[in-house]
N, C-alpha and C. Protein backbone atom coordinates (compact mmCIF):
# COMPACT_ATOMS: atom_id res chain seq x y z
N UNK A 1 5.57 6.24 -2.35
CA UNK A 1 4.16 6.26 -2.02
C UNK A 1 3.82 7.48 -1.18
N UNK A 2 4.75 7.84 -0.27
CA UNK A 2 4.48 9.00 0.56
C UNK A 2 4.45 10.26 -0.29
N UNK A 3 5.24 10.29 -1.38
CA UNK A 3 5.19 11.45 -2.27
C UNK A 3 3.82 11.52 -2.94
N UNK A 4 3.27 10.36 -3.31
CA UNK A 4 1.93 10.35 -3.92
C UNK A 4 0.92 10.92 -2.93
N UNK A 5 1.02 10.47 -1.66
CA UNK A 5 0.10 10.98 -0.65
C UNK A 5 0.30 12.47 -0.45
N UNK A 6 1.55 12.89 -0.39
CA UNK A 6 1.83 14.31 -0.23
C UNK A 6 1.31 15.10 -1.42
N UNK A 7 1.46 14.55 -2.61
CA UNK A 7 0.96 15.22 -3.81
C UNK A 7 -0.56 15.35 -3.75
N UNK A 8 -1.22 14.32 -3.24
CA UNK A 8 -2.68 14.38 -3.12
C UNK A 8 -3.08 15.50 -2.17
N UNK A 9 -2.35 15.65 -1.06
CA UNK A 9 -2.65 16.72 -0.11
C UNK A 9 -2.47 18.07 -0.78
N UNK A 10 -1.40 18.21 -1.55
CA UNK A 10 -1.17 19.47 -2.25
C UNK A 10 -2.28 19.75 -3.27
N UNK A 11 -2.73 18.70 -3.95
CA UNK A 11 -3.82 18.87 -4.92
C UNK A 11 -5.04 19.45 -4.21
N UNK A 12 -5.32 18.94 -3.01
CA UNK A 12 -6.47 19.45 -2.27
C UNK A 12 -6.22 20.89 -1.84
N UNK A 13 -4.99 21.17 -1.38
CA UNK A 13 -4.69 22.49 -0.87
C UNK A 13 -4.69 23.55 -1.96
N UNK A 14 -4.07 23.24 -3.10
CA UNK A 14 -3.91 24.24 -4.15
C UNK A 14 -5.03 24.21 -5.19
N UNK A 15 -5.50 23.01 -5.50
CA UNK A 15 -6.35 22.91 -6.68
C UNK A 15 -7.81 22.65 -6.43
N UNK A 16 -8.20 22.40 -5.20
CA UNK A 16 -9.59 22.03 -4.95
C UNK A 16 -10.55 23.16 -5.28
N UNK A 17 -10.05 24.40 -5.17
CA UNK A 17 -10.96 25.51 -5.44
C UNK A 17 -11.31 25.65 -6.90
N UNK A 18 -10.55 25.03 -7.77
CA UNK A 18 -10.81 25.16 -9.21
C UNK A 18 -12.02 24.33 -9.59
N UNK A 19 -13.09 25.01 -10.02
CA UNK A 19 -14.30 24.31 -10.39
C UNK A 19 -14.26 23.82 -11.85
N UNK A 20 -13.51 24.52 -12.66
CA UNK A 20 -13.38 24.13 -14.06
C UNK A 20 -11.93 23.93 -14.38
N UNK A 21 -11.66 23.15 -15.42
CA UNK A 21 -10.28 22.86 -15.80
C UNK A 21 -9.58 24.15 -16.20
N UNK A 22 -8.34 24.29 -15.74
CA UNK A 22 -7.54 25.44 -16.11
C UNK A 22 -6.98 25.23 -17.51
N UNK A 23 -6.70 26.30 -18.24
CA UNK A 23 -6.16 26.14 -19.59
C UNK A 23 -4.81 25.43 -19.56
N UNK A 24 -4.53 24.69 -20.63
CA UNK A 24 -3.28 23.93 -20.72
C UNK A 24 -2.43 24.47 -21.86
N UNK A 25 -1.17 24.72 -21.55
CA UNK A 25 -0.20 25.16 -22.56
C UNK A 25 0.90 24.10 -22.65
N UNK A 26 1.76 24.22 -23.64
CA UNK A 26 2.88 23.28 -23.75
C UNK A 26 3.80 23.41 -22.54
N UNK A 27 3.99 24.64 -22.06
CA UNK A 27 4.83 24.85 -20.88
C UNK A 27 4.25 24.11 -19.67
N UNK A 28 2.93 24.16 -19.56
CA UNK A 28 2.25 23.47 -18.45
C UNK A 28 2.41 21.95 -18.59
N UNK A 29 2.25 21.45 -19.82
CA UNK A 29 2.43 20.01 -20.06
C UNK A 29 3.85 19.58 -19.69
N UNK A 30 4.83 20.43 -20.01
CA UNK A 30 6.22 20.11 -19.68
C UNK A 30 6.43 20.04 -18.17
N UNK A 31 5.80 20.97 -17.45
CA UNK A 31 5.90 20.95 -15.99
C UNK A 31 5.26 19.69 -15.41
N UNK A 32 4.10 19.32 -15.94
CA UNK A 32 3.41 18.11 -15.48
C UNK A 32 4.28 16.88 -15.76
N UNK A 33 4.89 16.85 -16.94
CA UNK A 33 5.77 15.71 -17.26
C UNK A 33 6.94 15.63 -16.30
N UNK A 34 7.46 16.78 -15.88
CA UNK A 34 8.57 16.77 -14.91
C UNK A 34 8.10 16.20 -13.57
N UNK A 35 6.90 16.60 -13.15
CA UNK A 35 6.34 16.07 -11.90
C UNK A 35 6.14 14.56 -12.02
N UNK A 36 5.63 14.10 -13.15
CA UNK A 36 5.44 12.66 -13.34
C UNK A 36 6.77 11.92 -13.28
N UNK A 37 7.82 12.53 -13.81
CA UNK A 37 9.14 11.91 -13.74
C UNK A 37 9.61 11.85 -12.28
N UNK A 38 9.40 12.94 -11.53
CA UNK A 38 9.77 12.94 -10.11
C UNK A 38 8.95 11.91 -9.32
N UNK A 39 7.71 11.70 -9.74
CA UNK A 39 6.81 10.77 -9.04
C UNK A 39 6.99 9.31 -9.48
N UNK A 40 7.73 9.06 -10.56
CA UNK A 40 7.80 7.71 -11.11
C UNK A 40 8.23 6.65 -10.09
N UNK A 41 9.28 6.89 -9.27
CA UNK A 41 9.64 5.85 -8.30
C UNK A 41 8.50 5.54 -7.33
N UNK A 42 7.72 6.55 -6.99
CA UNK A 42 6.62 6.34 -6.05
C UNK A 42 5.45 5.62 -6.70
N UNK A 43 5.20 5.91 -7.97
CA UNK A 43 4.17 5.18 -8.72
C UNK A 43 4.58 3.72 -8.83
N UNK A 44 5.85 3.48 -9.10
CA UNK A 44 6.34 2.10 -9.21
C UNK A 44 6.23 1.37 -7.87
N UNK A 45 6.55 2.07 -6.77
CA UNK A 45 6.44 1.44 -5.44
C UNK A 45 4.99 1.14 -5.10
N UNK A 46 4.09 2.06 -5.45
CA UNK A 46 2.67 1.83 -5.22
C UNK A 46 2.20 0.59 -5.98
N UNK A 47 2.63 0.47 -7.24
CA UNK A 47 2.26 -0.69 -8.05
C UNK A 47 2.83 -1.97 -7.44
N UNK A 48 4.07 -1.91 -6.99
CA UNK A 48 4.70 -3.08 -6.37
C UNK A 48 3.93 -3.53 -5.13
N UNK A 49 3.59 -2.56 -4.28
CA UNK A 49 2.83 -2.90 -3.07
C UNK A 49 1.46 -3.49 -3.42
N UNK A 50 0.82 -2.93 -4.43
CA UNK A 50 -0.49 -3.43 -4.85
C UNK A 50 -0.39 -4.86 -5.35
N UNK A 51 0.65 -5.16 -6.11
CA UNK A 51 0.83 -6.51 -6.64
C UNK A 51 1.20 -7.50 -5.54
N UNK A 52 1.99 -7.06 -4.56
CA UNK A 52 2.47 -7.97 -3.52
C UNK A 52 1.45 -8.25 -2.43
N UNK A 53 0.56 -7.30 -2.20
CA UNK A 53 -0.35 -7.40 -1.05
C UNK A 53 -1.17 -8.69 -1.02
N UNK A 54 -1.77 -9.15 -2.13
CA UNK A 54 -2.55 -10.40 -2.05
C UNK A 54 -1.68 -11.60 -1.68
N UNK A 55 -0.46 -11.65 -2.18
CA UNK A 55 0.43 -12.76 -1.85
C UNK A 55 0.78 -12.74 -0.36
N UNK A 56 0.99 -11.55 0.17
CA UNK A 56 1.28 -11.43 1.61
C UNK A 56 0.12 -11.93 2.45
N UNK A 57 -1.11 -11.56 2.06
CA UNK A 57 -2.29 -12.02 2.79
C UNK A 57 -2.40 -13.53 2.73
N UNK A 58 -2.19 -14.09 1.52
CA UNK A 58 -2.31 -15.55 1.38
C UNK A 58 -1.27 -16.27 2.22
N UNK A 59 -0.04 -15.75 2.26
CA UNK A 59 0.99 -16.38 3.07
C UNK A 59 0.65 -16.33 4.55
N UNK A 60 0.05 -15.22 4.98
CA UNK A 60 -0.38 -15.13 6.38
C UNK A 60 -1.42 -16.20 6.70
N UNK A 61 -2.43 -16.31 5.84
CA UNK A 61 -3.46 -17.32 6.06
C UNK A 61 -2.87 -18.73 6.02
N UNK A 62 -1.99 -18.96 5.04
CA UNK A 62 -1.36 -20.27 4.92
C UNK A 62 -0.53 -20.60 6.16
N UNK A 63 0.13 -19.59 6.73
CA UNK A 63 0.92 -19.81 7.94
C UNK A 63 0.07 -20.30 9.09
N UNK A 64 -1.14 -19.73 9.21
CA UNK A 64 -2.03 -20.19 10.27
C UNK A 64 -2.49 -21.63 10.03
N UNK A 65 -2.78 -21.95 8.78
CA UNK A 65 -3.19 -23.31 8.45
C UNK A 65 -2.04 -24.28 8.69
N UNK A 66 -0.82 -23.87 8.31
CA UNK A 66 0.35 -24.72 8.54
C UNK A 66 0.46 -25.11 10.01
N UNK A 67 0.31 -24.12 10.89
CA UNK A 67 0.47 -24.38 12.32
C UNK A 67 -0.61 -25.30 12.88
N UNK A 68 -1.80 -25.21 12.32
CA UNK A 68 -2.90 -25.97 12.91
C UNK A 68 -3.24 -27.27 12.18
N UNK A 69 -2.86 -27.39 10.89
CA UNK A 69 -3.35 -28.54 10.14
C UNK A 69 -2.28 -29.34 9.41
N UNK A 70 -1.02 -28.93 9.49
CA UNK A 70 0.04 -29.66 8.79
C UNK A 70 0.97 -30.26 9.84
N UNK A 71 1.33 -31.51 9.62
CA UNK A 71 2.21 -32.21 10.56
C UNK A 71 3.51 -31.43 10.72
N UNK A 72 4.01 -31.40 11.94
CA UNK A 72 5.19 -30.58 12.26
C UNK A 72 6.39 -30.93 11.39
N UNK A 73 6.57 -32.22 11.11
CA UNK A 73 7.75 -32.62 10.32
C UNK A 73 7.65 -32.21 8.85
N UNK A 74 6.49 -31.77 8.41
CA UNK A 74 6.31 -31.36 7.01
C UNK A 74 6.20 -29.84 6.85
N UNK A 75 6.10 -29.12 7.96
CA UNK A 75 5.82 -27.67 7.90
C UNK A 75 6.90 -26.90 7.15
N UNK A 76 8.16 -27.18 7.44
CA UNK A 76 9.24 -26.41 6.80
C UNK A 76 9.22 -26.58 5.29
N UNK A 77 9.05 -27.80 4.82
CA UNK A 77 9.05 -28.06 3.38
C UNK A 77 7.85 -27.39 2.72
N UNK A 78 6.68 -27.47 3.37
CA UNK A 78 5.48 -26.84 2.81
C UNK A 78 5.65 -25.33 2.80
N UNK A 79 6.21 -24.78 3.89
CA UNK A 79 6.42 -23.33 3.97
C UNK A 79 7.36 -22.86 2.87
N UNK A 80 8.44 -23.60 2.63
CA UNK A 80 9.38 -23.23 1.57
C UNK A 80 8.70 -23.27 0.21
N UNK A 81 7.87 -24.27 -0.01
CA UNK A 81 7.16 -24.39 -1.27
C UNK A 81 6.19 -23.22 -1.47
N UNK A 82 5.48 -22.85 -0.41
CA UNK A 82 4.54 -21.72 -0.49
C UNK A 82 5.29 -20.42 -0.75
N UNK A 83 6.41 -20.23 -0.08
CA UNK A 83 7.20 -19.01 -0.29
C UNK A 83 7.73 -18.94 -1.71
N UNK A 84 8.15 -20.08 -2.26
CA UNK A 84 8.63 -20.11 -3.65
C UNK A 84 7.50 -19.74 -4.61
N UNK A 85 6.31 -20.26 -4.34
CA UNK A 85 5.15 -19.92 -5.18
C UNK A 85 4.84 -18.44 -5.11
N UNK A 86 4.91 -17.88 -3.88
CA UNK A 86 4.64 -16.45 -3.71
C UNK A 86 5.69 -15.61 -4.43
N UNK A 87 6.96 -16.00 -4.34
CA UNK A 87 8.02 -15.27 -5.04
C UNK A 87 7.80 -15.30 -6.54
N UNK A 88 7.40 -16.47 -7.06
CA UNK A 88 7.15 -16.59 -8.50
C UNK A 88 6.00 -15.65 -8.91
N UNK A 89 4.94 -15.64 -8.12
CA UNK A 89 3.82 -14.75 -8.41
C UNK A 89 4.28 -13.29 -8.42
N UNK A 90 5.02 -12.89 -7.37
CA UNK A 90 5.48 -11.51 -7.25
C UNK A 90 6.38 -11.14 -8.42
N UNK A 91 7.30 -12.05 -8.76
CA UNK A 91 8.22 -11.77 -9.88
C UNK A 91 7.47 -11.56 -11.19
N UNK A 92 6.35 -12.25 -11.37
CA UNK A 92 5.56 -12.11 -12.59
C UNK A 92 4.59 -10.93 -12.50
N UNK A 93 3.99 -10.73 -11.34
CA UNK A 93 2.92 -9.73 -11.21
C UNK A 93 3.45 -8.30 -11.12
N UNK A 94 4.54 -8.09 -10.38
CA UNK A 94 5.03 -6.73 -10.16
C UNK A 94 5.33 -6.00 -11.46
N UNK A 95 6.09 -6.60 -12.40
CA UNK A 95 6.34 -5.87 -13.65
C UNK A 95 5.07 -5.54 -14.43
N UNK A 96 4.09 -6.45 -14.40
CA UNK A 96 2.84 -6.21 -15.12
C UNK A 96 2.08 -5.02 -14.54
N UNK A 97 1.97 -4.98 -13.21
CA UNK A 97 1.24 -3.88 -12.57
C UNK A 97 2.02 -2.58 -12.70
N UNK A 98 3.36 -2.65 -12.57
CA UNK A 98 4.19 -1.45 -12.72
C UNK A 98 4.01 -0.84 -14.12
N UNK A 99 4.03 -1.71 -15.13
CA UNK A 99 3.87 -1.24 -16.51
C UNK A 99 2.54 -0.51 -16.68
N UNK A 100 1.48 -1.09 -16.14
CA UNK A 100 0.16 -0.47 -16.27
C UNK A 100 0.07 0.83 -15.47
N UNK A 101 0.70 0.85 -14.30
CA UNK A 101 0.67 2.07 -13.48
C UNK A 101 1.36 3.22 -14.20
N UNK A 102 2.52 2.94 -14.78
CA UNK A 102 3.26 4.00 -15.48
C UNK A 102 2.50 4.45 -16.73
N UNK A 103 1.79 3.53 -17.35
CA UNK A 103 1.01 3.89 -18.53
C UNK A 103 -0.20 4.75 -18.15
N UNK A 104 -0.80 4.47 -16.99
CA UNK A 104 -1.98 5.21 -16.55
C UNK A 104 -1.66 6.57 -15.93
N UNK A 105 -0.47 6.71 -15.39
CA UNK A 105 -0.13 7.94 -14.64
C UNK A 105 -0.37 9.22 -15.44
N UNK A 106 0.08 9.33 -16.71
CA UNK A 106 -0.15 10.58 -17.43
C UNK A 106 -1.62 10.93 -17.61
N UNK A 107 -2.46 9.92 -17.85
CA UNK A 107 -3.87 10.20 -18.11
C UNK A 107 -4.70 10.34 -16.83
N UNK A 108 -4.10 10.05 -15.68
CA UNK A 108 -4.82 10.19 -14.41
C UNK A 108 -4.17 11.29 -13.58
N UNK A 109 -2.99 11.01 -13.03
CA UNK A 109 -2.28 12.02 -12.24
C UNK A 109 -1.98 13.24 -13.10
N UNK A 110 -1.43 13.00 -14.29
CA UNK A 110 -1.05 14.10 -15.17
C UNK A 110 -2.23 14.98 -15.54
N UNK A 111 -3.34 14.36 -15.93
CA UNK A 111 -4.53 15.12 -16.31
C UNK A 111 -5.06 15.93 -15.13
N UNK A 112 -5.08 15.33 -13.94
CA UNK A 112 -5.55 16.06 -12.76
C UNK A 112 -4.67 17.28 -12.48
N UNK A 113 -3.36 17.09 -12.61
CA UNK A 113 -2.45 18.22 -12.39
C UNK A 113 -2.69 19.33 -13.41
N UNK A 114 -2.83 18.95 -14.67
CA UNK A 114 -3.07 19.95 -15.72
C UNK A 114 -4.36 20.72 -15.47
N UNK A 115 -5.40 20.01 -15.05
CA UNK A 115 -6.71 20.64 -14.90
C UNK A 115 -6.81 21.51 -13.64
N UNK A 116 -6.07 21.16 -12.60
CA UNK A 116 -6.29 21.81 -11.31
C UNK A 116 -5.21 22.79 -10.89
N UNK A 117 -4.05 22.75 -11.56
CA UNK A 117 -2.94 23.60 -11.14
C UNK A 117 -2.60 24.61 -12.23
N UNK A 118 -2.21 25.78 -11.78
CA UNK A 118 -1.66 26.77 -12.71
C UNK A 118 -0.18 26.46 -12.93
N UNK A 119 0.41 27.11 -13.91
CA UNK A 119 1.84 26.91 -14.15
C UNK A 119 2.65 27.30 -12.92
N UNK A 120 2.28 28.39 -12.28
CA UNK A 120 3.02 28.83 -11.09
C UNK A 120 2.92 27.80 -9.96
N UNK A 121 1.72 27.24 -9.78
CA UNK A 121 1.55 26.21 -8.75
C UNK A 121 2.37 24.97 -9.07
N UNK A 122 2.40 24.60 -10.35
CA UNK A 122 3.20 23.43 -10.74
C UNK A 122 4.69 23.68 -10.49
N UNK A 123 5.14 24.89 -10.77
CA UNK A 123 6.54 25.22 -10.48
C UNK A 123 6.82 25.13 -8.98
N UNK A 124 5.87 25.62 -8.17
CA UNK A 124 6.02 25.52 -6.72
C UNK A 124 6.04 24.07 -6.25
N UNK A 125 5.21 23.26 -6.85
CA UNK A 125 5.16 21.85 -6.51
C UNK A 125 6.49 21.15 -6.85
N UNK A 126 7.03 21.46 -8.01
CA UNK A 126 8.32 20.89 -8.40
C UNK A 126 9.42 21.33 -7.43
N UNK A 127 9.41 22.61 -7.08
CA UNK A 127 10.41 23.11 -6.13
C UNK A 127 10.30 22.37 -4.80
N UNK A 128 9.08 22.11 -4.36
CA UNK A 128 8.89 21.39 -3.10
C UNK A 128 9.36 19.94 -3.22
N UNK A 129 9.00 19.25 -4.30
CA UNK A 129 9.40 17.86 -4.48
C UNK A 129 10.92 17.71 -4.58
N UNK A 130 11.59 18.75 -5.09
CA UNK A 130 13.04 18.70 -5.24
C UNK A 130 13.79 19.31 -4.06
N UNK A 131 13.06 19.85 -3.10
CA UNK A 131 13.71 20.56 -2.00
C UNK A 131 14.44 19.62 -1.05
N UNK A 132 15.55 20.09 -0.45
CA UNK A 132 16.27 19.28 0.55
C UNK A 132 15.39 18.91 1.73
N UNK A 133 14.49 19.81 2.12
CA UNK A 133 13.60 19.51 3.25
C UNK A 133 12.70 18.33 2.95
N UNK A 134 12.11 18.32 1.75
CA UNK A 134 11.24 17.21 1.39
C UNK A 134 12.04 15.92 1.26
N UNK A 135 13.25 16.01 0.69
CA UNK A 135 14.09 14.81 0.57
C UNK A 135 14.44 14.25 1.94
N UNK A 136 14.72 15.14 2.89
CA UNK A 136 15.00 14.69 4.26
C UNK A 136 13.77 14.02 4.85
N UNK A 137 12.60 14.64 4.62
CA UNK A 137 11.36 14.04 5.10
C UNK A 137 11.18 12.63 4.54
N UNK A 138 11.47 12.46 3.24
CA UNK A 138 11.35 11.15 2.61
C UNK A 138 12.24 10.12 3.30
N UNK A 139 13.42 10.56 3.74
CA UNK A 139 14.36 9.64 4.39
C UNK A 139 13.87 9.21 5.77
N UNK A 140 13.29 10.15 6.52
CA UNK A 140 12.90 9.83 7.90
C UNK A 140 11.46 9.32 8.01
N UNK A 141 10.65 9.52 6.97
CA UNK A 141 9.23 9.15 7.05
C UNK A 141 9.00 7.67 7.39
N UNK A 142 9.74 6.71 6.77
CA UNK A 142 9.49 5.31 7.12
C UNK A 142 9.69 5.02 8.60
N UNK A 143 10.73 5.60 9.20
CA UNK A 143 10.98 5.38 10.63
C UNK A 143 9.89 6.01 11.47
N UNK A 144 9.47 7.22 11.09
CA UNK A 144 8.38 7.89 11.81
C UNK A 144 7.11 7.06 11.73
N UNK A 145 6.81 6.56 10.53
CA UNK A 145 5.60 5.75 10.35
C UNK A 145 5.70 4.44 11.14
N UNK A 146 6.87 3.81 11.11
CA UNK A 146 7.06 2.56 11.85
C UNK A 146 6.85 2.78 13.34
N UNK A 147 7.46 3.84 13.90
CA UNK A 147 7.29 4.14 15.32
C UNK A 147 5.84 4.41 15.66
N UNK A 148 5.16 5.16 14.80
CA UNK A 148 3.74 5.44 15.02
C UNK A 148 2.92 4.15 15.03
N UNK A 149 3.17 3.27 14.04
CA UNK A 149 2.41 2.02 13.96
C UNK A 149 2.64 1.15 15.19
N UNK A 150 3.89 1.09 15.68
CA UNK A 150 4.16 0.29 16.88
C UNK A 150 3.39 0.82 18.08
N UNK A 151 3.39 2.15 18.23
CA UNK A 151 2.66 2.75 19.35
C UNK A 151 1.15 2.54 19.19
N UNK A 152 0.66 2.68 17.97
CA UNK A 152 -0.77 2.50 17.71
C UNK A 152 -1.21 1.07 18.02
N UNK A 153 -0.39 0.10 17.58
CA UNK A 153 -0.72 -1.31 17.84
C UNK A 153 -0.79 -1.56 19.34
N UNK A 154 0.23 -1.08 20.07
CA UNK A 154 0.25 -1.29 21.52
C UNK A 154 -0.92 -0.60 22.20
N UNK A 155 -1.26 0.60 21.74
CA UNK A 155 -2.33 1.37 22.36
C UNK A 155 -3.71 0.79 22.04
N UNK A 156 -3.90 0.32 20.80
CA UNK A 156 -5.22 -0.15 20.37
C UNK A 156 -5.50 -1.59 20.78
N UNK A 157 -4.46 -2.40 20.99
CA UNK A 157 -4.66 -3.82 21.28
C UNK A 157 -5.63 -4.09 22.41
N UNK A 158 -5.52 -3.42 23.58
CA UNK A 158 -6.44 -3.74 24.69
C UNK A 158 -7.91 -3.51 24.36
N UNK A 159 -8.21 -2.52 23.53
CA UNK A 159 -9.63 -2.27 23.23
C UNK A 159 -10.13 -3.09 22.04
N UNK A 160 -9.21 -3.48 21.14
CA UNK A 160 -9.62 -4.23 19.95
C UNK A 160 -9.65 -5.73 20.21
N UNK A 161 -8.73 -6.23 21.05
CA UNK A 161 -8.62 -7.67 21.25
C UNK A 161 -9.93 -8.32 21.70
N UNK A 162 -10.63 -7.77 22.70
CA UNK A 162 -11.91 -8.40 23.10
C UNK A 162 -12.94 -8.41 21.97
N UNK A 163 -12.97 -7.34 21.17
CA UNK A 163 -13.94 -7.28 20.07
C UNK A 163 -13.59 -8.30 18.99
N UNK A 164 -12.30 -8.46 18.71
CA UNK A 164 -11.89 -9.43 17.72
C UNK A 164 -12.16 -10.86 18.19
N UNK A 165 -11.94 -11.12 19.48
CA UNK A 165 -12.24 -12.45 20.03
C UNK A 165 -13.74 -12.74 19.95
N UNK A 166 -14.56 -11.73 20.24
CA UNK A 166 -16.01 -11.91 20.14
C UNK A 166 -16.42 -12.20 18.71
N UNK A 167 -15.82 -11.49 17.76
CA UNK A 167 -16.11 -11.73 16.34
C UNK A 167 -15.68 -13.14 15.94
N UNK A 168 -14.49 -13.54 16.37
CA UNK A 168 -14.00 -14.89 16.04
C UNK A 168 -14.94 -15.96 16.59
N UNK A 169 -15.40 -15.78 17.84
CA UNK A 169 -16.32 -16.75 18.44
C UNK A 169 -17.64 -16.78 17.68
N UNK A 170 -18.13 -15.63 17.27
CA UNK A 170 -19.38 -15.54 16.51
C UNK A 170 -19.24 -16.25 15.17
N UNK A 171 -18.13 -15.98 14.46
CA UNK A 171 -17.89 -16.64 13.16
C UNK A 171 -17.78 -18.14 13.34
N UNK A 172 -17.00 -18.55 14.35
CA UNK A 172 -16.82 -19.99 14.61
C UNK A 172 -18.16 -20.66 14.91
N UNK A 173 -18.96 -20.03 15.79
CA UNK A 173 -20.26 -20.60 16.15
C UNK A 173 -21.19 -20.68 14.94
N UNK A 174 -21.17 -19.64 14.12
CA UNK A 174 -22.02 -19.63 12.92
C UNK A 174 -21.62 -20.75 11.97
N UNK A 175 -20.31 -20.89 11.74
CA UNK A 175 -19.84 -21.94 10.83
C UNK A 175 -20.12 -23.34 11.40
N UNK A 176 -19.90 -23.52 12.70
CA UNK A 176 -20.15 -24.83 13.31
C UNK A 176 -21.63 -25.19 13.26
N UNK A 177 -22.49 -24.17 13.38
CA UNK A 177 -23.92 -24.45 13.37
C UNK A 177 -24.40 -24.89 11.98
N UNK A 178 -23.62 -24.54 10.95
CA UNK A 178 -23.99 -24.96 9.59
C UNK A 178 -23.26 -26.23 9.17
N UNK A 179 -22.41 -26.74 10.08
CA UNK A 179 -21.66 -27.95 9.76
C UNK A 179 -20.45 -27.70 8.88
N UNK A 180 -20.04 -26.44 8.76
CA UNK A 180 -18.92 -26.11 7.87
C UNK A 180 -17.57 -26.36 8.51
N UNK A 181 -17.51 -26.59 9.80
CA UNK A 181 -16.23 -26.79 10.47
C UNK A 181 -15.68 -25.48 10.99
N UNK A 182 -14.63 -25.58 11.80
CA UNK A 182 -14.06 -24.40 12.44
C UNK A 182 -13.15 -23.65 11.49
N UNK A 183 -13.24 -22.32 11.48
CA UNK A 183 -12.33 -21.51 10.66
C UNK A 183 -10.96 -21.46 11.30
N UNK A 184 -9.92 -21.03 10.56
CA UNK A 184 -8.61 -20.86 11.17
C UNK A 184 -8.65 -19.77 12.24
N UNK A 185 -7.72 -19.81 13.17
CA UNK A 185 -7.67 -18.82 14.24
C UNK A 185 -7.48 -17.43 13.66
N UNK A 186 -8.01 -16.44 14.38
CA UNK A 186 -7.92 -15.06 13.90
C UNK A 186 -6.50 -14.55 14.02
N UNK A 187 -6.22 -13.50 13.25
CA UNK A 187 -4.90 -12.87 13.31
C UNK A 187 -4.76 -12.13 14.63
N UNK A 188 -3.53 -11.81 15.00
CA UNK A 188 -3.30 -11.04 16.20
C UNK A 188 -4.03 -9.72 16.09
N UNK A 189 -4.87 -9.37 17.07
CA UNK A 189 -5.67 -8.17 16.97
C UNK A 189 -4.81 -6.92 16.89
N UNK A 190 -5.29 -5.98 16.10
CA UNK A 190 -4.60 -4.71 15.89
C UNK A 190 -3.13 -4.98 15.75
N UNK A 191 -2.82 -6.12 15.20
CA UNK A 191 -1.49 -6.68 15.20
C UNK A 191 -0.48 -5.91 14.46
N UNK A 192 0.48 -6.66 13.97
CA UNK A 192 1.56 -6.05 13.25
C UNK A 192 1.04 -5.42 11.97
N UNK A 193 1.87 -4.55 11.41
CA UNK A 193 1.53 -3.99 10.10
C UNK A 193 1.42 -5.14 9.14
N UNK A 194 0.58 -5.04 8.08
CA UNK A 194 0.38 -6.14 7.16
C UNK A 194 1.71 -6.71 6.68
N UNK A 195 1.78 -8.05 6.65
CA UNK A 195 3.00 -8.70 6.24
C UNK A 195 3.32 -8.39 4.80
N UNK A 196 4.58 -8.26 4.50
CA UNK A 196 4.97 -8.00 3.11
C UNK A 196 5.21 -9.32 2.43
N UNK A 197 4.88 -9.36 1.17
CA UNK A 197 5.06 -10.58 0.42
C UNK A 197 6.53 -10.85 0.21
N UNK A 198 6.82 -12.07 -0.19
CA UNK A 198 8.19 -12.47 -0.43
C UNK A 198 8.81 -11.67 -1.56
N UNK A 199 10.12 -11.59 -1.54
CA UNK A 199 10.91 -11.01 -2.64
C UNK A 199 10.60 -9.58 -2.95
N UNK A 200 10.88 -8.70 -1.95
CA UNK A 200 10.67 -7.26 -2.18
C UNK A 200 11.84 -6.68 -2.85
């Protein structure tokens, strides 16, 4: 995914100035295909994350309901059942989304590269994607991102928490005034990074 983001930055840096599509040759198509091959693991990861994200959200919401509305002696069994359902969904959804992502990549990413990059720029992009420096960056990027997110959460929590509590009280009051009942408790403010769905 980080390669996709990096590729997007490069597209802006190298290709944004192109107002019209650049000519396409077979050599250029071959270079684009090589980039798509280099990007394939990242396209697949992006598809996986996209497919898993709704299940992760649902499990988070279900966890809050479990704590507040399910008898303690039944929570473990219900939690296991919910996790099994989420795993089944992920096992079925991920291949479907991955297949569609790989099918769309040539006509979206590939077309953009063909239209906005010259052959020389594509060669430079391939050299960068294959470079030891970029590969090292790929290895350390998750840790850098994790450290950043932890610091951001700690730094933002004091200013976000009161606003989130005010929003929760407003939502609760609005729902109670309509007779709809109380909503589940809000998530931890500026909390942890979004939970990942089961079976990654």
